[in-house]
Amino acid sequence: MITSSCCFFAFKYLAYEKWLKPPDVSVTTPTWKYTKSDSNFNWVSGHRYQAIARSFDNAGNPETSYSTSSFTYDRESPVSAPDTITDAEYYSSLSIGGTAQDGPTGAGLFNAGLDRVEVKLVDVSTGACWTGSGWSWTLFDYVQADGTQAWTYNDISMSNFTTGHPYRLNTKACDNIGNEDISVTTTTFYVDKTPPDTTLVQPFHGAKCNSLIPPGQTVPPHQLNGNSYDKPDLDAGIYNSGIDTVKVKLYDVTKSS
C-alpha cells in the first residue's frame, strides 16, 4: 500500500504514466492512500517504478513541488548452490563454498540484491545437525556463511566429521527484502579419512622360493599377490570409498647392499 483535501497521484514505469484522483485516491486529512492488489496493479518483478504525489486545496491551489518516490519491485527468490562439493562423492578433506544469485536477472531488470547465504549440515548416520560449534540432536537451524555471490562456510574442520559417515548439506540464499530461496539445494556427500589396509600374501615374509608361480599353475607368469581392504569397515550407516588402485615396489635388497 502506498499511503490533503484533494490529492492526485502519479504512477510511472518507463513510458507508462497515469494520474489517479478521487475516488481512486482515498483522502482523510492529513493522510491519503491508494490501495490495489498485486494482481490488479500488474506489478512486474524486476521493474523499477516511480510514484509522484501532489495535492490541491479546497480553494484550487495546486502543489508546485511534488513528492517523489522511486523503488524496485522484486518478488523473485534468490538461488544458491555449493560448487566445492559434489553429490554422492567421497572426501578425505573438503571445503564448503559455492555461489548465489538474486533474481530477476536480465537486461533492464533489477533486484534487491543478496543479503546472506545460509547452510545446514546434517550427519545422516546420527541425525545430528551442525550448530556452528558442535553437533546437536535438538537444534536444526541454518548457520550463516561468509559472503553472498561467492560464499564459503569455514566454521567447521575435518576433525568435526566422522569417517565413514554420510552428510547432507542444504544451502539457501536470502535477499535484502526477505525473499528466500524456495528451491533449497541438497547435496549428500561422504567422509572417508581412514586409509586402506593392504597385505602381501605371496610370497609371505621370510619365505624361501624357487618359483613365484601361483599355486595350481605350472608355468609363468610369476606373481605377487595379496589382499586390500578399504576402511572403515562397512556397517549400518558406515561407508567407505573402496579401493582405487594397488601399487607394488620390488627391491633387490642383495644388490642394493
Protein backbone atom coordinates (compact mmCIF):
# COMPACT_ATOMS: atom_id res chain seq x y z
CA MET A 1 0.00 0.00 0.00
CA ILE A 2 1.27 3.47 -0.85
CA THR A 3 -0.21 5.84 1.87
CA SER A 4 -4.60 16.89 1.57
CA SER A 5 -8.50 17.84 0.60
CA CYS A 6 -7.96 16.67 -2.97
CA CYS A 7 -4.98 14.53 -3.88
CA PHE A 8 -3.63 13.40 -7.22
CA PHE A 9 -1.18 10.51 -7.52
CA ALA A 10 1.03 9.74 -10.48
CA PHE A 11 2.39 6.28 -11.09
CA LYS A 12 5.04 5.77 -13.72
CA TYR A 13 7.09 2.91 -15.18
CA LEU A 14 9.25 3.87 -18.14
CA ALA A 15 6.81 5.07 -20.83
CA TYR A 16 3.75 4.28 -18.73
CA GLU A 17 2.33 7.09 -16.58
CA LYS A 18 -1.08 7.58 -15.08
CA TRP A 19 -2.51 10.25 -12.80
CA LEU A 20 -5.01 8.94 -10.30
CA LYS A 21 -7.56 11.04 -8.43
CA PRO A 22 -10.62 10.57 -6.19
CA PRO A 23 -12.29 8.15 -5.87
CA ASP A 24 -9.11 6.17 -6.76
CA VAL A 25 -7.19 8.02 -4.03
CA SER A 26 -8.78 7.98 -0.58
CA VAL A 27 -8.13 11.16 1.41
CA THR A 28 -8.70 11.58 5.14
CA THR A 29 -6.79 14.74 6.03
CA PRO A 30 -3.87 14.74 6.65
CA THR A 31 -3.37 11.21 5.30
CA TRP A 32 -4.20 9.65 1.97
CA LYS A 33 -3.80 6.20 0.45
CA TYR A 34 -4.08 4.37 -2.80
CA THR A 35 -4.72 0.66 -2.41
CA LYS A 36 -4.67 -2.02 -5.06
CA SER A 37 -3.77 -5.70 -5.06
CA ASP A 38 -0.70 -7.12 -6.79
CA SER A 39 -2.81 -8.85 -9.42
CA ASN A 40 -4.87 -5.76 -10.20
CA PHE A 41 -1.89 -3.45 -10.40
CA ASN A 42 0.10 -5.79 -12.66
CA TRP A 43 3.36 -5.30 -10.80
CA VAL A 44 6.29 -6.78 -12.72
CA SER A 45 9.11 -8.27 -10.67
CA GLY A 46 12.42 -6.69 -11.62
CA HIS A 47 10.93 -3.38 -12.75
CA ARG A 48 11.68 -0.01 -11.21
CA TYR A 49 8.74 2.30 -10.53
CA GLN A 50 8.32 5.94 -9.64
CA ALA A 51 5.45 7.34 -7.58
CA ILE A 52 4.65 11.08 -7.56
CA ALA A 53 2.10 12.70 -5.25
CA ARG A 54 0.64 16.21 -5.35
CA SER A 55 -2.38 17.83 -3.73
CA PHE A 56 -4.88 20.64 -4.28
CA ASP A 57 -6.64 22.54 -1.54
CA ASN A 58 -10.32 23.45 -1.49
CA ALA A 59 -9.51 26.84 -2.99
CA GLY A 60 -7.95 25.16 -6.02
CA ASN A 61 -4.33 25.91 -5.17
CA PRO A 62 -2.09 23.21 -6.65
CA GLU A 63 1.02 21.90 -5.02
CA THR A 64 4.04 23.01 -7.06
CA SER A 65 6.79 20.78 -5.59
CA TYR A 66 5.82 17.13 -5.91
CA SER A 67 6.76 14.33 -3.53
CA THR A 68 8.54 11.56 -5.47
CA SER A 69 9.50 8.02 -4.55
CA SER A 70 11.40 5.59 -6.81
CA PHE A 71 11.50 1.92 -5.90
CA THR A 72 12.25 -1.57 -7.23
CA TYR A 73 9.63 -4.32 -7.18
CA ASP A 74 11.19 -7.75 -6.53
CA ARG A 75 9.16 -10.87 -5.78
CA GLU A 76 11.65 -13.39 -7.15
CA SER A 77 13.52 -15.76 -4.85
CA PRO A 78 17.32 -15.92 -4.93
CA VAL A 79 19.12 -19.22 -5.63
CA SER A 80 22.26 -20.83 -4.21
CA ALA A 81 24.36 -23.96 -4.70
CA PRO A 82 27.67 -25.42 -3.50
CA ASP A 83 30.48 -25.67 -6.02
CA THR A 84 33.20 -27.33 -3.91
CA ILE A 85 31.22 -30.47 -3.05
CA THR A 86 29.62 -32.92 -5.48
CA ASP A 87 26.64 -35.11 -4.68
CA ALA A 88 27.50 -38.75 -3.77
CA GLU A 89 31.27 -38.11 -3.73
CA TYR A 90 33.75 -39.18 -1.02
CA TYR A 91 36.13 -36.71 0.65
CA SER A 92 39.17 -37.09 2.88
CA SER A 93 39.42 -33.30 3.09
CA LEU A 94 36.98 -30.66 1.95
CA SER A 95 35.98 -27.02 1.95
CA ILE A 96 32.39 -25.82 1.85
CA GLY A 97 31.61 -23.00 -0.56
CA GLY A 98 29.53 -22.04 -3.54
CA THR A 99 27.68 -19.32 -5.39
CA ALA A 100 24.36 -17.49 -5.09
CA GLN A 101 22.37 -15.09 -7.23
CA ASP A 102 19.35 -12.89 -6.68
CA GLY A 103 16.67 -12.59 -9.30
CA PRO A 104 15.28 -11.48 -11.56
CA THR A 105 18.22 -11.07 -13.90
CA GLY A 106 18.46 -9.88 -17.46
CA ALA A 107 18.74 -6.72 -19.49
CA GLY A 108 16.75 -3.85 -17.97
CA LEU A 109 15.77 -5.79 -14.84
CA PHE A 110 16.66 -5.01 -11.24
CA ASN A 111 16.62 -6.91 -7.95
CA ALA A 112 17.02 -6.19 -4.24
CA GLY A 113 20.42 -7.87 -4.00
CA LEU A 114 21.63 -10.68 -1.79
CA ASP A 115 21.65 -10.29 1.98
CA ARG A 116 23.10 -13.63 3.10
CA VAL A 117 23.59 -17.32 2.36
CA GLU A 118 22.81 -19.95 4.98
CA VAL A 119 23.80 -23.61 5.22
CA LYS A 120 22.53 -26.60 7.16
CA LEU A 121 24.77 -29.62 7.67
CA VAL A 122 23.33 -32.92 8.96
CA ASP A 123 25.16 -36.14 9.88
CA VAL A 124 22.90 -38.66 8.14
CA SER A 125 24.20 -41.58 10.24
CA THR A 126 23.34 -39.97 13.58
CA GLY A 127 20.70 -37.38 12.63
CA ALA A 128 22.67 -34.61 14.35
CA CYS A 129 22.81 -31.07 12.92
CA TRP A 130 25.84 -28.77 12.97
CA THR A 131 25.17 -25.65 15.08
CA GLY A 132 28.32 -23.71 14.29
CA SER A 133 30.22 -25.07 17.29
CA GLY A 134 29.11 -28.69 17.62
CA TRP A 135 26.56 -31.35 16.70
CA SER A 136 23.05 -31.20 18.15
CA TRP A 137 20.04 -33.54 18.15
CA THR A 138 17.68 -30.74 19.24
CA LEU A 139 18.74 -27.70 17.17
CA PHE A 140 18.25 -27.94 13.41
CA ASP A 141 18.78 -24.35 12.30
CA TYR A 142 20.70 -22.94 9.37
CA VAL A 143 24.00 -21.17 10.05
CA GLN A 144 25.24 -18.19 8.08
CA ALA A 145 28.04 -18.48 5.55
CA ASP A 146 30.60 -15.82 4.70
CA GLY A 147 29.97 -13.84 1.52
CA THR A 148 27.00 -13.80 -0.84
CA GLN A 149 27.54 -14.21 -4.60
CA ALA A 150 30.67 -16.23 -3.79
CA TRP A 151 30.30 -17.73 -0.33
CA THR A 152 32.20 -20.06 2.00
CA TYR A 153 31.49 -21.74 5.30
CA ASN A 154 34.59 -22.03 7.45
CA ASP A 155 33.25 -22.72 10.96
CA ILE A 156 33.85 -26.45 10.73
CA SER A 157 37.02 -28.53 10.28
CA MET A 158 37.71 -32.09 9.18
CA SER A 159 38.12 -33.12 12.82
CA ASN A 160 34.39 -32.41 13.26
CA PHE A 161 33.48 -35.00 10.62
CA THR A 162 33.32 -38.73 11.43
CA THR A 163 34.99 -41.01 8.94
CA GLY A 164 32.57 -43.34 7.18
CA HIS A 165 29.56 -41.10 7.72
CA PRO A 166 27.38 -39.54 5.01
CA TYR A 167 26.46 -35.85 5.39
CA ARG A 168 23.65 -33.78 3.92
CA LEU A 169 24.31 -30.14 3.02
CA ASN A 170 21.42 -27.73 2.42
CA THR A 171 22.02 -24.19 1.18
CA LYS A 172 19.63 -21.28 0.79
CA ALA A 173 20.01 -17.59 -0.07
CA CYS A 174 18.03 -14.60 1.22
CA ASP A 175 17.79 -11.20 -0.44
CA ASN A 176 17.66 -7.74 1.14
CA ILE A 177 13.85 -7.58 1.32
CA GLY A 178 13.18 -11.02 2.79
CA ASN A 179 12.70 -13.19 -0.31
CA GLU A 180 14.16 -16.61 0.48
CA ASP A 181 15.44 -19.40 -1.70
CA ILE A 182 12.44 -21.73 -2.16
CA SER A 183 14.37 -24.38 -4.10
CA VAL A 184 16.76 -25.29 -1.27
CA THR A 185 19.78 -27.10 -2.69
CA THR A 186 20.54 -30.53 -1.16
CA THR A 187 23.90 -32.28 -1.58
CA THR A 188 24.78 -35.58 0.10
CA PHE A 189 28.45 -36.49 0.41
CA TYR A 190 30.63 -38.99 2.31
CA VAL A 191 33.67 -38.51 4.52
CA ASP A 192 36.43 -41.15 4.38
CA LYS A 193 39.53 -40.14 6.34
CA THR A 194 40.78 -43.69 7.02
CA PRO A 195 43.48 -45.18 4.76
CA PRO A 196 43.01 -48.72 3.37
CA ASP A 197 44.86 -51.80 4.60
CA THR A 198 47.00 -53.99 2.28
CA THR A 199 48.74 -57.29 2.98
CA LEU A 200 51.16 -59.29 0.81
CA VAL A 201 50.13 -62.97 0.73
CA GLN A 202 52.55 -64.46 -1.79
CA PRO A 203 55.37 -64.66 -1.07
CA PHE A 204 54.91 -64.44 2.69
CA HIS A 205 57.52 -62.60 4.72
CA GLY A 206 60.69 -64.70 5.18
CA ALA A 207 59.77 -67.25 2.52
CA LYS A 208 62.41 -69.13 0.54
CA CYS A 209 61.27 -69.64 -3.04
CA ASN A 210 62.46 -71.31 -6.21
CA SER A 211 59.40 -70.06 -8.06
CA LEU A 212 56.76 -67.36 -7.75
CA ILE A 213 54.27 -69.21 -9.93
CA PRO A 214 50.90 -69.15 -8.15
CA PRO A 215 49.56 -72.43 -6.70
CA GLY A 216 47.72 -74.50 -9.31
CA GLN A 217 49.82 -73.15 -12.17
CA THR A 218 52.77 -74.93 -13.74
CA VAL A 219 54.11 -72.21 -15.99
CA PRO A 220 54.84 -68.49 -15.59
CA PRO A 221 53.95 -65.70 -15.21
CA HIS A 222 55.40 -65.26 -11.77
CA GLN A 223 53.13 -63.44 -9.43
CA LEU A 224 53.00 -61.37 -6.26
CA ASN A 225 49.55 -61.23 -4.74
CA GLY A 226 47.72 -60.15 -1.62
CA ASN A 227 44.60 -58.52 -0.23
CA SER A 228 43.49 -54.92 0.09
CA TYR A 229 40.57 -53.66 2.18
CA ASP A 230 39.30 -50.14 2.49
CA LYS A 231 38.50 -48.70 5.89
CA PRO A 232 36.45 -48.09 7.90
CA ASP A 233 34.76 -51.47 7.80
CA LEU A 234 31.33 -51.35 6.21
CA ASP A 235 28.45 -51.45 8.68
CA ALA A 236 25.00 -49.94 9.15
CA GLY A 237 25.38 -46.24 8.38
CA ILE A 238 29.14 -46.62 7.78
CA TYR A 239 30.60 -46.28 4.31
CA ASN A 240 34.00 -46.24 2.63
CA SER A 241 35.11 -45.09 -0.78
CA GLY A 242 36.52 -48.50 -1.84
CA ILE A 243 39.90 -49.48 -3.23
CA ASP A 244 41.00 -47.47 -6.26
CA THR A 245 44.49 -48.79 -7.05
CA VAL A 246 47.18 -51.02 -5.53
CA LYS A 247 50.84 -50.15 -6.13
CA VAL A 248 53.78 -52.53 -5.61
CA LYS A 249 57.51 -51.78 -5.25
CA LEU A 250 60.11 -54.58 -5.66
CA TYR A 251 63.71 -54.18 -4.48
CA ASP A 252 66.77 -56.37 -5.00
CA VAL A 253 68.00 -55.98 -1.43
CA THR A 254 71.21 -58.00 -2.02
CA LYS A 255 72.22 -55.92 -4.99
CA SER A 256 71.46 -52.64 -3.27
CA SER A 257 73.59 -53.59 -0.28
